[in-house]
Amino acid sequence: MNSAMVAVMLGASLFLGGIALAAFLWGLKNGQFDDKEKWLSATKFDNEDDLQSAVKTQEKKEAIKAKKKKQQYKPE
C-alpha cells in the first residue's frame, strides 16, 4: 500500500472522528442525553403486577375518552 494512501486514510479517519467527538460534546452541552423521567418511571413499576395494573389503568382511561368522544358526536 502506498504511504500517501495511508496518510489520506489516516487523515480522513481523524477528521471524521473529530466531527463525531464535536457532535457528542455538543449533545452533552445542550442536554440531548438528559432523561430526567427515566429513573422516575423505572421506580414506579417495580414488579410485573404494578406494570399490569398501570396498563389496565391506561386502557380504562383510553376507553373513557373514546366513550366521551362517541357521546359528543350525535348525527341528526
N, C-alpha and C. Protein backbone atom coordinates (compact mmCIF):
# COMPACT_ATOMS: atom_id res chain seq x y z
N MET A 1 0.84 -1.17 0.00
CA MET A 1 0.00 0.00 0.00
C MET A 1 0.89 1.24 0.00
N ASN A 2 0.49 2.22 -0.70
CA ASN A 2 1.24 3.44 -0.83
C ASN A 2 1.16 4.24 0.47
N SER A 3 2.27 4.89 0.85
CA SER A 3 2.28 5.65 2.10
C SER A 3 1.39 6.89 1.99
N ALA A 4 1.22 7.41 0.80
CA ALA A 4 0.31 8.55 0.62
C ALA A 4 -1.13 8.13 0.89
N MET A 5 -1.48 6.92 0.45
CA MET A 5 -2.84 6.40 0.67
C MET A 5 -3.09 6.22 2.17
N VAL A 6 -2.11 5.72 2.89
CA VAL A 6 -2.25 5.54 4.34
C VAL A 6 -2.43 6.90 5.01
N ALA A 7 -1.69 7.90 4.57
CA ALA A 7 -1.79 9.24 5.15
C ALA A 7 -3.19 9.82 4.88
N VAL A 8 -3.72 9.63 3.67
CA VAL A 8 -5.04 10.14 3.35
C VAL A 8 -6.09 9.43 4.20
N MET A 9 -6.00 8.12 4.33
CA MET A 9 -6.98 7.37 5.11
C MET A 9 -6.88 7.75 6.59
N LEU A 10 -5.67 7.93 7.09
CA LEU A 10 -5.49 8.33 8.49
C LEU A 10 -6.06 9.73 8.71
N GLY A 11 -5.79 10.64 7.80
CA GLY A 11 -6.32 12.00 7.92
C GLY A 11 -7.84 12.02 7.88
N ALA A 12 -8.42 11.25 6.96
CA ALA A 12 -9.88 11.19 6.85
C ALA A 12 -10.50 10.61 8.11
N SER A 13 -9.90 9.56 8.65
CA SER A 13 -10.47 8.95 9.85
C SER A 13 -10.36 9.88 11.05
N LEU A 14 -9.24 10.61 11.16
CA LEU A 14 -9.10 11.58 12.25
C LEU A 14 -10.11 12.73 12.10
N PHE A 15 -10.31 13.18 10.87
CA PHE A 15 -11.28 14.24 10.62
C PHE A 15 -12.69 13.80 10.99
N LEU A 16 -13.10 12.62 10.53
CA LEU A 16 -14.43 12.12 10.85
C LEU A 16 -14.59 11.85 12.34
N GLY A 17 -13.54 11.34 12.97
CA GLY A 17 -13.58 11.13 14.42
C GLY A 17 -13.72 12.43 15.18
N GLY A 18 -13.05 13.47 14.69
CA GLY A 18 -13.16 14.79 15.31
C GLY A 18 -14.57 15.35 15.18
N ILE A 19 -15.18 15.15 14.03
CA ILE A 19 -16.56 15.60 13.84
C ILE A 19 -17.49 14.86 14.79
N ALA A 20 -17.30 13.56 14.92
CA ALA A 20 -18.14 12.77 15.83
C ALA A 20 -17.95 13.21 17.28
N LEU A 21 -16.72 13.48 17.67
CA LEU A 21 -16.44 13.94 19.03
C LEU A 21 -17.08 15.30 19.27
N ALA A 22 -16.97 16.20 18.30
CA ALA A 22 -17.57 17.53 18.44
C ALA A 22 -19.09 17.42 18.56
N ALA A 23 -19.70 16.54 17.78
CA ALA A 23 -21.15 16.36 17.85
C ALA A 23 -21.56 15.78 19.20
N PHE A 24 -20.79 14.84 19.70
CA PHE A 24 -21.09 14.25 21.01
C PHE A 24 -20.99 15.29 22.12
N LEU A 25 -19.92 16.09 22.09
CA LEU A 25 -19.74 17.12 23.12
C LEU A 25 -20.84 18.18 23.01
N TRP A 26 -21.25 18.53 21.80
CA TRP A 26 -22.34 19.48 21.61
C TRP A 26 -23.63 18.92 22.22
N GLY A 27 -23.88 17.63 21.99
CA GLY A 27 -25.06 16.99 22.54
C GLY A 27 -25.05 16.98 24.07
N LEU A 28 -23.90 16.73 24.65
CA LEU A 28 -23.80 16.78 26.12
C LEU A 28 -24.07 18.18 26.64
N LYS A 29 -23.49 19.17 25.97
CA LYS A 29 -23.65 20.56 26.42
C LYS A 29 -25.11 21.02 26.34
N ASN A 30 -25.83 20.58 25.32
CA ASN A 30 -27.21 21.01 25.11
C ASN A 30 -28.23 20.11 25.79
N GLY A 31 -27.79 19.10 26.52
CA GLY A 31 -28.71 18.26 27.28
C GLY A 31 -29.44 17.22 26.45
N GLN A 32 -28.88 16.81 25.33
CA GLN A 32 -29.55 15.83 24.47
C GLN A 32 -29.64 14.46 25.13
N PHE A 33 -28.77 14.18 26.09
CA PHE A 33 -28.74 12.86 26.70
C PHE A 33 -29.35 12.85 28.10
N ASP A 34 -29.95 13.97 28.51
CA ASP A 34 -30.59 14.04 29.82
C ASP A 34 -31.98 13.43 29.73
N ASP A 35 -32.22 12.45 30.54
CA ASP A 35 -33.54 11.81 30.59
C ASP A 35 -33.97 11.78 32.04
N LYS A 36 -34.58 12.86 32.45
CA LYS A 36 -34.95 13.00 33.86
C LYS A 36 -36.07 12.07 34.27
N GLU A 37 -36.91 11.68 33.32
CA GLU A 37 -38.05 10.82 33.62
C GLU A 37 -37.68 9.34 33.68
N LYS A 38 -36.55 8.97 33.12
CA LYS A 38 -36.20 7.55 33.02
C LYS A 38 -36.13 6.89 34.40
N TRP A 39 -35.42 7.50 35.30
CA TRP A 39 -35.24 6.88 36.61
C TRP A 39 -36.53 6.96 37.43
N LEU A 40 -37.29 8.02 37.25
CA LEU A 40 -38.56 8.13 37.97
C LEU A 40 -39.55 7.09 37.47
N SER A 41 -39.61 6.89 36.17
CA SER A 41 -40.53 5.91 35.60
C SER A 41 -40.11 4.48 35.96
N ALA A 42 -38.82 4.25 36.05
CA ALA A 42 -38.34 2.91 36.36
C ALA A 42 -38.73 2.49 37.78
N THR A 43 -38.84 3.44 38.69
CA THR A 43 -39.18 3.08 40.07
C THR A 43 -40.68 3.00 40.29
N LYS A 44 -41.47 3.52 39.36
CA LYS A 44 -42.92 3.45 39.52
C LYS A 44 -43.42 2.02 39.45
N PHE A 45 -42.84 1.24 38.58
CA PHE A 45 -43.31 -0.11 38.32
C PHE A 45 -42.21 -1.10 38.71
N ASP A 46 -42.18 -1.46 39.98
CA ASP A 46 -41.12 -2.33 40.47
C ASP A 46 -41.31 -3.78 40.07
N ASN A 47 -42.53 -4.22 39.94
CA ASN A 47 -42.74 -5.62 39.61
C ASN A 47 -43.79 -5.74 38.50
N GLU A 48 -44.05 -6.95 38.09
CA GLU A 48 -44.94 -7.20 36.96
C GLU A 48 -46.39 -6.84 37.29
N ASP A 49 -46.81 -7.07 38.54
CA ASP A 49 -48.19 -6.74 38.93
C ASP A 49 -48.45 -5.24 38.81
N ASP A 50 -47.49 -4.42 39.26
CA ASP A 50 -47.64 -2.98 39.16
C ASP A 50 -47.69 -2.54 37.70
N LEU A 51 -46.90 -3.15 36.87
CA LEU A 51 -46.88 -2.81 35.45
C LEU A 51 -48.21 -3.18 34.79
N GLN A 52 -48.73 -4.35 35.11
CA GLN A 52 -50.03 -4.76 34.55
C GLN A 52 -51.14 -3.84 35.04
N SER A 53 -51.07 -3.44 36.28
CA SER A 53 -52.06 -2.52 36.84
C SER A 53 -52.00 -1.17 36.11
N ALA A 54 -50.81 -0.72 35.82
CA ALA A 54 -50.66 0.55 35.10
C ALA A 54 -51.21 0.44 33.68
N VAL A 55 -50.99 -0.68 33.04
CA VAL A 55 -51.52 -0.88 31.69
C VAL A 55 -53.05 -0.90 31.71
N LYS A 56 -53.62 -1.58 32.68
CA LYS A 56 -55.09 -1.62 32.79
C LYS A 56 -55.66 -0.24 33.06
N THR A 57 -55.01 0.53 33.90
CA THR A 57 -55.46 1.88 34.18
C THR A 57 -55.42 2.74 32.92
N GLN A 58 -54.35 2.61 32.15
CA GLN A 58 -54.24 3.37 30.91
C GLN A 58 -55.32 2.96 29.92
N GLU A 59 -55.59 1.67 29.83
CA GLU A 59 -56.64 1.19 28.93
C GLU A 59 -58.01 1.73 29.35
N LYS A 60 -58.27 1.79 30.66
CA LYS A 60 -59.53 2.33 31.14
C LYS A 60 -59.66 3.81 30.77
N LYS A 61 -58.57 4.56 30.93
CA LYS A 61 -58.60 5.98 30.58
C LYS A 61 -58.90 6.16 29.09
N GLU A 62 -58.27 5.36 28.26
CA GLU A 62 -58.50 5.46 26.82
C GLU A 62 -59.93 5.07 26.46
N ALA A 63 -60.47 4.07 27.14
CA ALA A 63 -61.86 3.66 26.88
C ALA A 63 -62.82 4.77 27.27
N ILE A 64 -62.56 5.43 28.38
CA ILE A 64 -63.43 6.53 28.82
C ILE A 64 -63.35 7.68 27.82
N LYS A 65 -62.16 8.00 27.33
CA LYS A 65 -62.01 9.06 26.33
C LYS A 65 -62.77 8.71 25.06
N ALA A 66 -62.65 7.47 24.62
CA ALA A 66 -63.34 7.05 23.40
C ALA A 66 -64.85 7.11 23.59
N LYS A 67 -65.34 6.73 24.77
CA LYS A 67 -66.77 6.76 25.06
C LYS A 67 -67.28 8.19 25.07
N LYS A 68 -66.53 9.10 25.68
CA LYS A 68 -66.93 10.51 25.72
C LYS A 68 -66.94 11.10 24.32
N LYS A 69 -65.95 10.75 23.54
CA LYS A 69 -65.87 11.26 22.18
C LYS A 69 -67.05 10.75 21.35
N LYS A 70 -67.41 9.50 21.56
CA LYS A 70 -68.53 8.90 20.83
C LYS A 70 -69.84 9.56 21.25
N GLN A 71 -69.99 9.89 22.52
CA GLN A 71 -71.22 10.52 23.02
C GLN A 71 -71.36 11.95 22.52
N GLN A 72 -70.24 12.64 22.31
CA GLN A 72 -70.29 14.03 21.87
C GLN A 72 -70.79 14.12 20.43
N TYR A 73 -70.46 13.19 19.62
CA TYR A 73 -70.85 13.23 18.21
C TYR A 73 -72.18 12.52 18.02
N LYS A 74 -73.21 13.30 17.75
CA LYS A 74 -74.54 12.72 17.54
C LYS A 74 -75.09 13.26 16.22
N PRO A 75 -75.00 12.49 15.17
CA PRO A 75 -75.52 12.97 13.89
C PRO A 75 -77.05 13.06 13.92
N GLU A 76 -77.57 13.99 13.19
CA GLU A 76 -79.03 14.18 13.18
C GLU A 76 -79.68 13.49 12.02
